[in-house]
PDB file of N, CA and C in Angstrom:
ATOM      1  N   MET A   1     -12.194   4.811   6.405  1.00  0.00           N
ATOM      2  CA  MET A   1     -12.239   3.776   7.704  1.00  0.00           C
ATOM      3  C   MET A   1     -10.300   4.069   8.076  1.00  0.00           C
ATOM      4  N   ASN A   2     -10.263   4.673   9.279  1.00  0.00           N
ATOM      5  CA  ASN A   2      -9.041   4.366   9.511  1.00  0.00           C
ATOM      6  C   ASN A   2      -8.256   2.956  10.224  1.00  0.00           C
ATOM      7  N   LYS A   3      -7.201   2.846  10.452  1.00  0.00           N
ATOM      8  CA  LYS A   3      -6.711   1.569  11.347  1.00  0.00           C
ATOM      9  C   LYS A   3      -7.436   0.989  12.520  1.00  0.00           C
ATOM     10  N   GLN A   4      -7.504   1.888  13.350  1.00  0.00           N
ATOM     11  CA  GLN A   4      -8.384   1.602  14.153  1.00  0.00           C
ATOM     12  C   GLN A   4      -9.872   1.111  14.158  1.00  0.00           C
ATOM     13  N   GLU A   5     -10.378   1.798  13.262  1.00  0.00           N
ATOM     14  CA  GLU A   5     -11.822   1.385  12.767  1.00  0.00           C
ATOM     15  C   GLU A   5     -11.816  -0.284  11.970  1.00  0.00           C
ATOM     16  N   LEU A   6     -10.407  -0.250  11.273  1.00  0.00           N
ATOM     17  CA  LEU A   6     -10.554  -1.429  10.759  1.00  0.00           C
ATOM     18  C   LEU A   6     -10.301  -2.655  11.745  1.00  0.00           C
ATOM     19  N   ILE A   7      -9.545  -2.357  12.668  1.00  0.00           N
ATOM     20  CA  ILE A   7      -9.192  -3.307  14.035  1.00  0.00           C
ATOM     21  C   ILE A   7     -10.532  -3.863  14.404  1.00  0.00           C
ATOM     22  N   GLU A   8     -11.310  -2.666  14.960  1.00  0.00           N
ATOM     23  CA  GLU A   8     -12.583  -3.298  15.372  1.00  0.00           C
ATOM     24  C   GLU A   8     -13.399  -3.868  14.468  1.00  0.00           C
ATOM     25  N   ALA A   9     -13.550  -3.505  13.217  1.00  0.00           N
ATOM     26  CA  ALA A   9     -14.487  -4.206  12.226  1.00  0.00           C
ATOM     27  C   ALA A   9     -13.906  -5.469  12.104  1.00  0.00           C
ATOM     28  N   VAL A  10     -12.760  -5.903  11.844  1.00  0.00           N
ATOM     29  CA  VAL A  10     -12.271  -7.219  11.905  1.00  0.00           C
ATOM     30  C   VAL A  10     -12.515  -8.263  12.895  1.00  0.00           C
ATOM     31  N   ALA A  11     -12.198  -7.638  14.254  1.00  0.00           N
ATOM     32  CA  ALA A  11     -12.206  -8.222  15.642  1.00  0.00           C
ATOM     33  C   ALA A  11     -13.760  -8.775  15.780  1.00  0.00           C
ATOM     34  N   SER A  12     -14.741  -7.803  15.485  1.00  0.00           N
ATOM     35  CA  SER A  12     -16.288  -8.139  15.722  1.00  0.00           C
ATOM     36  C   SER A  12     -16.715  -8.889  14.496  1.00  0.00           C
ATOM     37  N   GLN A  13     -16.274  -9.244  13.236  1.00  0.00           N
ATOM     38  CA  GLN A  13     -16.434 -10.161  12.407  1.00  0.00           C
ATOM     39  C   GLN A  13     -15.780 -11.306  12.702  1.00  0.00           C
ATOM     40  N   ALA A  14     -14.747 -11.524  13.431  1.00  0.00           N
ATOM     41  CA  ALA A  14     -13.720 -12.562  12.929  1.00  0.00           C
ATOM     42  C   ALA A  14     -14.132 -13.472  14.677  1.00  0.00           C
ATOM     43  N   GLY A  15     -14.631 -12.460  15.646  1.00  0.00           N
ATOM     44  CA  GLY A  15     -14.971 -13.028  16.976  1.00  0.00           C
ATOM     45  C   GLY A  15     -13.915 -13.412  17.782  1.00  0.00           C
ATOM     46  N   VAL A  16     -12.679 -12.495  17.136  1.00  0.00           N
ATOM     47  CA  VAL A  16     -11.226 -12.229  17.929  1.00  0.00           C
ATOM     48  C   VAL A  16     -10.928 -11.042  18.623  1.00  0.00           C
ATOM     49  N   SER A  17     -10.467 -10.976  19.754  1.00  0.00           N
ATOM     50  CA  SER A  17     -10.174  -9.787  20.615  1.00  0.00           C
ATOM     51  C   SER A  17      -9.333  -8.831  19.483  1.00  0.00           C
ATOM     52  N   LYS A  18      -9.071  -7.358  19.713  1.00  0.00           N
ATOM     53  CA  LYS A  18      -8.906  -6.570  19.231  1.00  0.00           C
ATOM     54  C   LYS A  18      -7.501  -6.675  19.345  1.00  0.00           C
ATOM     55  N   SER A  19      -6.465  -6.606  20.612  1.00  0.00           N
ATOM     56  CA  SER A  19      -5.204  -6.949  20.402  1.00  0.00           C
ATOM     57  C   SER A  19      -4.816  -7.730  19.596  1.00  0.00           C
ATOM     58  N   ALA A  20      -5.334  -9.216  19.446  1.00  0.00           N
ATOM     59  CA  ALA A  20      -4.923 -10.247  18.569  1.00  0.00           C
ATOM     60  C   ALA A  20      -5.015  -9.701  16.939  1.00  0.00           C
ATOM     61  N   VAL A  21      -6.385  -8.986  16.798  1.00  0.00           N
ATOM     62  CA  VAL A  21      -6.256  -8.471  15.321  1.00  0.00           C
ATOM     63  C   VAL A  21      -4.913  -7.377  15.251  1.00  0.00           C
ATOM     64  N   GLU A  22      -4.896  -6.410  15.743  1.00  0.00           N
ATOM     65  CA  GLU A  22      -4.094  -5.275  15.767  1.00  0.00           C
ATOM     66  C   GLU A  22      -2.721  -5.993  15.681  1.00  0.00           C
ATOM     67  N   GLN A  23      -2.375  -7.147  16.395  1.00  0.00           N
ATOM     68  CA  GLN A  23      -0.764  -7.585  16.161  1.00  0.00           C
ATOM     69  C   GLN A  23      -0.643  -8.398  14.633  1.00  0.00           C
ATOM     70  N   THR A  24      -1.952  -8.898  14.126  1.00  0.00           N
ATOM     71  CA  THR A  24      -1.970  -9.540  13.061  1.00  0.00           C
ATOM     72  C   THR A  24      -1.819  -8.481  12.052  1.00  0.00           C
ATOM     73  N   ILE A  25      -2.821  -7.614  11.884  1.00  0.00           N
ATOM     74  CA  ILE A  25      -2.485  -6.550  11.037  1.00  0.00           C
ATOM     75  C   ILE A  25      -1.191  -5.804  11.002  1.00  0.00           C
ATOM     76  N   ASN A  26      -0.772  -5.443  12.108  1.00  0.00           N
ATOM     77  CA  ASN A  26       0.752  -4.840  12.163  1.00  0.00           C
ATOM     78  C   ASN A  26       1.819  -5.914  11.578  1.00  0.00           C
ATOM     79  N   ALA A  27       1.615  -7.289  11.796  1.00  0.00           N
ATOM     80  CA  ALA A  27       2.672  -8.220  11.164  1.00  0.00           C
ATOM     81  C   ALA A  27       2.358  -8.273  10.018  1.00  0.00           C
ATOM     82  N   VAL A  28       1.198  -8.265   9.138  1.00  0.00           N
ATOM     83  CA  VAL A  28       0.851  -8.259   7.599  1.00  0.00           C
ATOM     84  C   VAL A  28       1.623  -7.144   6.968  1.00  0.00           C
ATOM     85  N   VAL A  29       1.050  -5.910   7.485  1.00  0.00           N
ATOM     86  CA  VAL A  29       1.934  -4.698   6.689  1.00  0.00           C
ATOM     87  C   VAL A  29       3.509  -4.515   6.950  1.00  0.00           C
ATOM     88  N   GLU A  30       3.829  -5.148   8.048  1.00  0.00           N
ATOM     89  CA  GLU A  30       5.112  -4.956   8.274  1.00  0.00           C
ATOM     90  C   GLU A  30       5.942  -5.982   7.258  1.00  0.00           C
ATOM     91  N   THR A  31       5.235  -7.136   7.130  1.00  0.00           N
ATOM     92  CA  THR A  31       6.111  -7.945   6.041  1.00  0.00           C
ATOM     93  C   THR A  31       5.638  -7.455   4.803  1.00  0.00           C
ATOM     94  N   ILE A  32       4.502  -6.990   4.283  1.00  0.00           N
ATOM     95  CA  ILE A  32       4.315  -6.497   3.145  1.00  0.00           C
ATOM     96  C   ILE A  32       5.571  -5.331   3.027  1.00  0.00           C
ATOM     97  N   ALA A  33       5.650  -4.676   3.852  1.00  0.00           N
ATOM     98  CA  ALA A  33       6.641  -3.287   3.570  1.00  0.00           C
ATOM     99  C   ALA A  33       8.039  -4.061   3.383  1.00  0.00           C
ATOM    100  N   ASN A  34       8.511  -4.868   4.344  1.00  0.00           N
ATOM    101  CA  ASN A  34       9.839  -5.508   4.218  1.00  0.00           C
ATOM    102  C   ASN A  34      10.159  -6.236   2.656  1.00  0.00           C
ATOM    103  N   GLU A  35       8.957  -7.139   2.692  1.00  0.00           N
ATOM    104  CA  GLU A  35       9.409  -7.809   1.233  1.00  0.00           C
ATOM    105  C   GLU A  35       9.438  -6.795  -0.373  1.00  0.00           C
ATOM    106  N   VAL A  36       8.634  -5.506   0.012  1.00  0.00           N
ATOM    107  CA  VAL A  36       8.636  -4.839  -1.338  1.00  0.00           C
ATOM    108  C   VAL A  36       9.922  -4.213  -1.347  1.00  0.00           C
ATOM    109  N   ALA A  37      10.500  -4.084   0.104  1.00  0.00           N
ATOM    110  CA  ALA A  37      11.868  -3.148   0.139  1.00  0.00           C
ATOM    111  C   ALA A  37      12.634  -3.711  -0.182  1.00  0.00           C
ATOM    112  N   ALA A  38      12.804  -5.194  -0.133  1.00  0.00           N
ATOM    113  CA  ALA A  38      13.494  -5.877  -0.505  1.00  0.00           C
ATOM    114  C   ALA A  38      13.862  -6.238  -2.300  1.00  0.00           C
ATOM    115  N   GLY A  39      12.778  -5.451  -2.686  1.00  0.00           N
ATOM    116  CA  GLY A  39      12.524  -5.661  -4.217  1.00  0.00           C
ATOM    117  C   GLY A  39      11.538  -7.135  -4.661  1.00  0.00           C
ATOM    118  N   ASN A  40      10.876  -7.530  -3.796  1.00  0.00           N
ATOM    119  CA  ASN A  40      10.122  -8.693  -3.922  1.00  0.00           C
ATOM    120  C   ASN A  40       8.717  -8.050  -4.439  1.00  0.00           C
ATOM    121  N   THR A  41       7.811  -9.020  -5.199  1.00  0.00           N
ATOM    122  CA  THR A  41       6.460  -8.585  -5.209  1.00  0.00           C
ATOM    123  C   THR A  41       5.575  -9.305  -4.225  1.00  0.00           C
ATOM    124  N   VAL A  42       4.595  -8.724  -3.715  1.00  0.00           N
ATOM    125  CA  VAL A  42       3.531  -9.687  -2.809  1.00  0.00           C
ATOM    126  C   VAL A  42       2.371  -9.608  -3.700  1.00  0.00           C
ATOM    127  N   GLN A  43       1.843 -10.793  -3.814  1.00  0.00           N
ATOM    128  CA  GLN A  43       0.456 -10.997  -4.603  1.00  0.00           C
ATOM    129  C   GLN A  43      -0.419 -11.924  -3.589  1.00  0.00           C
ATOM    130  N   LEU A  44      -1.776 -10.999  -3.078  1.00  0.00           N
ATOM    131  CA  LEU A  44      -2.508 -11.537  -2.645  1.00  0.00           C
ATOM    132  C   LEU A  44      -3.796 -11.880  -3.595  1.00  0.00           C
ATOM    133  N   ILE A  45      -3.919 -12.920  -4.227  1.00  0.00           N
ATOM    134  CA  ILE A  45      -4.744 -13.415  -5.361  1.00  0.00           C
ATOM    135  C   ILE A  45      -6.190 -12.772  -4.816  1.00  0.00           C
ATOM    136  N   GLY A  46      -7.025 -12.112  -5.744  1.00  0.00           N
ATOM    137  CA  GLY A  46      -8.108 -11.346  -5.577  1.00  0.00           C
ATOM    138  C   GLY A  46      -8.049 -10.158  -5.188  1.00  0.00           C
ATOM    139  N   PHE A  47      -6.988  -9.846  -4.333  1.00  0.00           N
ATOM    140  CA  PHE A  47      -6.697  -8.691  -3.726  1.00  0.00           C
ATOM    141  C   PHE A  47      -6.084  -7.532  -4.604  1.00  0.00           C
ATOM    142  N   GLY A  48      -4.913  -7.945  -4.568  1.00  0.00           N
ATOM    143  CA  GLY A  48      -3.794  -6.988  -5.665  1.00  0.00           C
ATOM    144  C   GLY A  48      -2.655  -7.540  -5.345  1.00  0.00           C
ATOM    145  N   THR A  49      -1.581  -6.967  -6.026  1.00  0.00           N
ATOM    146  CA  THR A  49      -0.162  -7.060  -6.172  1.00  0.00           C
ATOM    147  C   THR A  49       0.671  -6.036  -5.435  1.00  0.00           C
ATOM    148  N   PHE A  50       1.327  -5.946  -4.451  1.00  0.00           N
ATOM    149  CA  PHE A  50       2.451  -4.944  -4.413  1.00  0.00           C
ATOM    150  C   PHE A  50       3.519  -5.279  -4.778  1.00  0.00           C
ATOM    151  N   GLY A  51       4.193  -4.225  -5.254  1.00  0.00           N
ATOM    152  CA  GLY A  51       5.416  -4.289  -5.897  1.00  0.00           C
ATOM    153  C   GLY A  51       6.162  -2.844  -5.887  1.00  0.00           C
ATOM    154  N   ILE A  52       7.525  -2.927  -6.434  1.00  0.00           N
ATOM    155  CA  ILE A  52       8.467  -1.719  -6.498  1.00  0.00           C
ATOM    156  C   ILE A  52       8.510  -1.342  -7.723  1.00  0.00           C
ATOM    157  N   GLY A  53       8.494   0.057  -8.022  1.00  0.00           N
ATOM    158  CA  GLY A  53       8.463   0.676  -9.420  1.00  0.00           C
ATOM    159  C   GLY A  53       9.678   1.785  -9.414  1.00  0.00           C
ATOM    160  N   GLU A  54       9.959   2.335 -10.736  1.00  0.00           N
ATOM    161  CA  GLU A  54      11.029   3.372 -10.710  1.00  0.00           C
ATOM    162  C   GLU A  54      10.651   4.567 -11.385  1.00  0.00           C
ATOM    163  N   ARG A  55      10.750   5.644 -10.790  1.00  0.00           N
ATOM    164  CA  ARG A  55      10.726   6.951 -11.330  1.00  0.00           C
ATOM    165  C   ARG A  55      11.893   7.648 -11.962  1.00  0.00           C
ATOM    166  N   ALA A  56      11.783   7.941 -12.697  1.00  0.00           N
ATOM    167  CA  ALA A  56      13.084   8.466 -13.705  1.00  0.00           C
ATOM    168  C   ALA A  56      13.566   9.951 -13.037  1.00  0.00           C
ATOM    169  N   ALA A  57      14.777  10.322 -13.106  1.00  0.00           N
ATOM    170  CA  ALA A  57      15.062  11.944 -12.844  1.00  0.00           C
ATOM    171  C   ALA A  57      14.480  12.399 -13.877  1.00  0.00           C
ATOM    172  N   ARG A  58      14.017  13.858 -13.064  1.00  0.00           N
ATOM    173  CA  ARG A  58      13.414  14.709 -14.335  1.00  0.00           C
ATOM    174  C   ARG A  58      13.551  15.958 -13.770  1.00  0.00           C
ATOM    175  N   SER A  59      13.059  17.007 -14.517  1.00  0.00           N
ATOM    176  CA  SER A  59      13.344  18.435 -14.420  1.00  0.00           C
ATOM    177  C   SER A  59      12.152  18.874 -13.897  1.00  0.00           C
ATOM    178  N   GLY A  60      12.227  20.095 -12.749  1.00  0.00           N
ATOM    179  CA  GLY A  60      11.119  20.685 -12.330  1.00  0.00           C
ATOM    180  C   GLY A  60      11.113  21.959 -12.089  1.00  0.00           C
ATOM    181  N   ARG A  61      10.462  22.347 -11.511  1.00  0.00           N
ATOM    182  CA  ARG A  61      10.130  24.072 -11.170  1.00  0.00           C
ATOM    183  C   ARG A  61      10.028  24.195  -9.629  1.00  0.00           C
ATOM    184  N   ASN A  62      10.480  25.361  -9.078  1.00  0.00           N
ATOM    185  CA  ASN A  62      10.432  25.081  -7.440  1.00  0.00           C
ATOM    186  C   ASN A  62       9.116  26.223  -7.801  1.00  0.00           C
ATOM    187  N   PRO A  63       8.157  25.977  -6.982  1.00  0.00           N
ATOM    188  CA  PRO A  63       6.822  26.373  -7.286  1.00  0.00           C
ATOM    189  C   PRO A  63       6.718  28.350  -6.795  1.00  0.00           C
ATOM    190  N   SER A  64       7.513  28.198  -5.449  1.00  0.00           N
ATOM    191  CA  SER A  64       7.747  29.656  -5.162  1.00  0.00           C
ATOM    192  C   SER A  64       8.347  30.550  -5.619  1.00  0.00           C
ATOM    193  N   THR A  65      10.012  30.120  -6.216  1.00  0.00           N
ATOM    194  CA  THR A  65      10.701  30.569  -6.857  1.00  0.00           C
ATOM    195  C   THR A  65      10.336  30.866  -8.516  1.00  0.00           C
ATOM    196  N   GLY A  66       9.995  29.394  -9.023  1.00  0.00           N
ATOM    197  CA  GLY A  66       9.944  29.298 -10.589  1.00  0.00           C
ATOM    198  C   GLY A  66      11.264  28.991 -11.177  1.00  0.00           C
ATOM    199  N   GLU A  67      12.135  28.796 -10.104  1.00  0.00           N
ATOM    200  CA  GLU A  67      13.819  28.110 -10.265  1.00  0.00           C
ATOM    201  C   GLU A  67      13.567  26.711 -11.099  1.00  0.00           C
ATOM    202  N   ALA A  68      14.191  26.445 -11.943  1.00  0.00           N
ATOM    203  CA  ALA A  68      14.314  25.349 -12.672  1.00  0.00           C
ATOM    204  C   ALA A  68      15.166  24.332 -11.519  1.00  0.00           C
ATOM    205  N   ILE A  69      14.764  23.126 -10.956  1.00  0.00           N
ATOM    206  CA  ILE A  69      15.676  22.087 -10.209  1.00  0.00           C
ATOM    207  C   ILE A  69      15.344  20.732 -10.963  1.00  0.00           C
ATOM    208  N   GLU A  70      16.333  19.692 -10.611  1.00  0.00           N
ATOM    209  CA  GLU A  70      16.535  18.393 -10.933  1.00  0.00           C
ATOM    210  C   GLU A  70      15.842  17.657  -9.721  1.00  0.00           C
ATOM    211  N   ILE A  71      14.841  16.957 -10.290  1.00  0.00           N
ATOM    212  CA  ILE A  71      14.531  15.863  -9.252  1.00  0.00           C
ATOM    213  C   ILE A  71      15.210  14.163  -9.259  1.00  0.00           C
ATOM    214  N   ALA A  72      15.546  13.900  -8.497  1.00  0.00           N
ATOM    215  CA  ALA A  72      16.309  12.630  -8.447  1.00  0.00           C
ATOM    216  C   ALA A  72      15.455  11.200  -8.605  1.00  0.00           C
ATOM    217  N   ALA A  73      16.172  10.725  -9.355  1.00  0.00           N
ATOM    218  CA  ALA A  73      15.404   9.351  -9.689  1.00  0.00           C
ATOM    219  C   ALA A  73      14.682   8.644  -8.304  1.00  0.00           C
ATOM    220  N   ALA A  74      13.877   7.889  -8.139  1.00  0.00           N
ATOM    221  CA  ALA A  74      13.052   7.598  -6.894  1.00  0.00           C
ATOM    222  C   ALA A  74      12.525   6.212  -7.164  1.00  0.00           C
ATOM    223  N   LYS A  75      12.730   5.252  -6.314  1.00  0.00           N
ATOM    224  CA  LYS A  75      11.956   4.031  -6.085  1.00  0.00           C
ATOM    225  C   LYS A  75      10.334   4.354  -5.750  1.00  0.00           C
ATOM    226  N   THR A  76       9.462   3.656  -6.399  1.00  0.00           N
ATOM    227  CA  THR A  76       7.884   4.142  -5.771  1.00  0.00           C
ATOM    228  C   THR A  76       7.269   2.352  -5.214  1.00  0.00           C
ATOM    229  N   VAL A  77       6.418   2.612  -4.605  1.00  0.00           N
ATOM    230  CA  VAL A  77       5.484   1.505  -4.365  1.00  0.00           C
ATOM    231  C   VAL A  77       4.161   1.420  -5.422  1.00  0.00           C
ATOM    232  N   LYS A  78       4.116   0.466  -6.006  1.00  0.00           N
ATOM    233  CA  LYS A  78       3.077   0.154  -6.828  1.00  0.00           C
ATOM    234  C   LYS A  78       2.075  -0.816  -6.121  1.00  0.00           C
ATOM    235  N   PHE A  79       0.958  -0.605  -6.581  1.00  0.00           N
ATOM    236  CA  PHE A  79      -0.260  -1.732  -6.128  1.00  0.00           C
ATOM    237  C   PHE A  79      -1.174  -2.117  -7.311  1.00  0.00           C
ATOM    238  N   THR A  80      -1.338  -2.972  -7.807  1.00  0.00           N
ATOM    239  CA  THR A  80      -2.173  -3.339  -9.095  1.00  0.00           C
ATOM    240  C   THR A  80      -3.035  -4.239  -8.237  1.00  0.00           C
ATOM    241  N   VAL A  81      -4.709  -3.701  -8.402  1.00  0.00           N
ATOM    242  CA  VAL A  81      -5.568  -4.266  -7.937  1.00  0.00           C
ATOM    243  C   VAL A  81      -6.017  -5.464  -8.603  1.00  0.00           C
ATOM    244  N   GLY A  82      -6.545  -6.677  -7.981  1.00  0.00           N
ATOM    245  CA  GLY A  82      -6.770  -7.668  -8.206  1.00  0.00           C
ATOM    246  C   GLY A  82      -8.226  -7.903  -8.993  1.00  0.00           C
ATOM    247  N   LYS A  83      -8.673  -8.753  -9.613  1.00  0.00           N
ATOM    248  CA  LYS A  83      -9.905  -8.565 -10.375  1.00  0.00           C
ATOM    249  C   LYS A  83     -10.976  -8.918  -9.721  1.00  0.00           C
ATOM    250  N   ALA A  84     -11.124  -9.403  -8.761  1.00  0.00           N
ATOM    251  CA  ALA A  84     -12.034  -9.733  -7.570  1.00  0.00           C
ATOM    252  C   ALA A  84     -12.611  -8.470  -7.091  1.00  0.00           C
ATOM    253  N   PHE A  85     -11.447  -7.954  -6.394  1.00  0.00           N
ATOM    254  CA  PHE A  85     -11.573  -6.630  -5.776  1.00  0.00           C
ATOM    255  C   PHE A  85     -11.984  -5.626  -6.455  1.00  0.00           C
ATOM    256  N   LYS A  86     -11.822  -5.437  -7.935  1.00  0.00           N
ATOM    257  CA  LYS A  86     -11.997  -4.659  -8.856  1.00  0.00           C
ATOM    258  C   LYS A  86     -13.544  -4.687  -8.794  1.00  0.00           C
ATOM    259  N   ASP A  87     -13.998  -6.074  -9.289  1.00  0.00           N
ATOM    260  CA  ASP A  87     -15.690  -6.176  -9.477  1.00  0.00           C
ATOM    261  C   ASP A  87     -16.135  -5.990  -8.644  1.00  0.00           C
ATOM    262  N   ALA A  88     -15.882  -6.319  -6.954  1.00  0.00           N
ATOM    263  CA  ALA A  88     -16.721  -5.874  -6.096  1.00  0.00           C
ATOM    264  C   ALA A  88     -16.730  -4.454  -5.866  1.00  0.00           C
ATOM    265  N   VAL A  89     -15.715  -3.775  -6.211  1.00  0.00           N
ATOM    266  CA  VAL A  89     -15.854  -2.130  -5.906  1.00  0.00           C
ATOM    267  C   VAL A  89     -16.659  -2.073  -7.190  1.00  0.00           C
ATOM    268  N   ASN A  90     -16.983  -2.463  -8.173  1.00  0.00           N
ATOM    269  CA  ASN A  90     -17.677  -2.197  -9.447  1.00  0.00           C
ATOM    270  C   ASN A  90     -19.276  -2.518  -8.793  1.00  0.00           C
ATOM    271  N   ARG A  91     -19.594  -3.542  -8.467  1.00  0.00           N
ATOM    272  CA  ARG A  91     -20.924  -3.902  -8.277  1.00  0.00           C
ATOM    273  C   ARG A  91     -21.330  -3.109  -6.951  1.00  0.00           C
ATOM    274  N   ALA A  92     -20.608  -2.321  -5.997  1.00  0.00           N
ATOM    275  CA  ALA A  92     -21.053  -1.064  -5.073  1.00  0.00           C
ATOM    276  C   ALA A  92     -21.811  -0.314  -5.731  1.00  0.00           C
TER     277      ALA A  92
END
Protein backbone atom coordinates (compact mmCIF):
# COMPACT_ATOMS: atom_id res chain seq x y z
CA MET A 1 0.00 0.00 0.00
CA ASN A 2 1.40 3.38 -0.93
CA LYS A 3 0.54 6.77 0.56
CA GLN A 4 -2.28 7.52 -1.88
CA GLU A 5 -3.88 4.12 -1.26
CA LEU A 6 -3.61 4.75 2.50
CA ILE A 7 -5.32 8.12 2.10
CA GLU A 8 -8.15 6.55 0.09
CA ALA A 9 -8.62 3.71 2.60
CA VAL A 10 -8.70 6.03 5.62
CA ALA A 11 -11.03 8.48 3.86
CA SER A 12 -13.53 5.76 3.01
CA GLN A 13 -13.35 4.16 6.46
CA ALA A 14 -13.72 7.47 8.31
CA GLY A 15 -16.19 9.03 5.88
CA VAL A 16 -14.00 12.12 5.48
CA SER A 17 -12.67 13.84 2.36
CA LYS A 18 -9.41 12.65 0.86
CA SER A 19 -7.90 16.13 1.13
CA ALA A 20 -8.62 16.28 4.87
CA VAL A 21 -7.08 12.85 5.39
CA GLU A 22 -4.03 13.79 3.30
CA GLN A 23 -3.46 16.95 5.37
CA THR A 24 -3.79 14.95 8.57
CA ILE A 25 -1.42 12.18 7.47
CA ASN A 26 1.13 14.75 6.27
CA ALA A 27 0.90 16.57 9.62
CA VAL A 28 1.35 13.34 11.60
CA VAL A 29 4.38 12.24 9.55
CA GLU A 30 5.96 15.71 9.73
CA THR A 31 5.42 15.92 13.49
CA ILE A 32 6.94 12.49 14.10
CA ALA A 33 9.93 13.34 11.88
CA ASN A 34 10.51 16.67 13.65
CA GLU A 35 10.29 15.15 17.12
CA VAL A 36 12.65 12.27 16.31
CA ALA A 37 15.09 14.68 14.62
CA ALA A 38 15.06 16.75 17.83
CA GLY A 39 16.10 13.65 19.79
CA ASN A 40 12.69 12.87 21.29
CA THR A 41 10.79 9.60 21.10
CA VAL A 42 7.24 9.34 19.83
CA GLN A 43 5.23 6.56 21.44
CA LEU A 44 1.90 5.46 19.99
CA ILE A 45 0.50 2.96 22.48
CA GLY A 46 -0.44 -0.28 20.73
CA PHE A 47 1.33 0.72 17.50
CA GLY A 48 4.96 1.37 18.34
CA THR A 49 7.70 3.80 19.30
CA PHE A 50 9.81 5.94 17.00
CA GLY A 51 13.22 6.95 18.32
CA ILE A 52 16.75 7.76 17.38
CA GLY A 53 19.67 5.35 17.42
CA GLU A 54 23.39 5.62 16.95
CA ARG A 55 25.52 3.68 14.49
CA ALA A 56 29.21 3.61 15.41
CA ALA A 57 31.98 4.38 12.94
CA ARG A 58 33.33 1.27 11.28
CA SER A 59 35.62 0.00 8.56
CA GLY A 60 34.19 -1.20 5.28
CA ARG A 61 35.21 -2.03 1.74
CA ASN A 62 34.42 -0.32 -1.53
CA PRO A 63 32.58 -3.08 -3.43
CA SER A 64 33.93 -2.07 -6.84
CA THR A 65 37.61 -1.66 -5.89
CA GLY A 66 37.93 -3.67 -2.69
CA GLU A 67 39.67 -0.67 -1.10
CA ALA A 68 39.26 -0.31 2.66
CA ILE A 69 37.24 2.77 3.67
CA GLU A 70 36.11 4.29 6.94
CA ILE A 71 32.37 4.65 7.35
CA ALA A 72 31.46 7.58 9.60
CA ALA A 73 29.22 7.30 12.65
CA ALA A 74 25.59 8.14 11.94
CA LYS A 75 22.25 8.62 13.61
CA THR A 76 19.50 6.20 12.59
CA VAL A 77 15.77 6.05 13.09
CA LYS A 78 14.53 3.15 15.20
CA PHE A 79 11.00 1.80 15.31
CA THR A 80 9.97 -0.65 17.99
CA VAL A 81 6.65 -2.33 17.27
CA GLY A 82 3.96 -2.28 19.96
CA LYS A 83 2.47 -5.42 21.43
CA ALA A 84 -1.04 -4.91 20.00
CA PHE A 85 0.35 -4.32 16.50
CA LYS A 86 2.62 -7.36 16.75
CA ASP A 87 -0.27 -9.52 17.98
CA ALA A 88 -2.48 -8.32 15.11
CA VAL A 89 0.18 -9.22 12.54
CA ASN A 90 0.70 -12.66 14.08
CA ARG A 91 -3.06 -13.38 14.03
CA ALA A 92 -3.31 -12.70 10.29
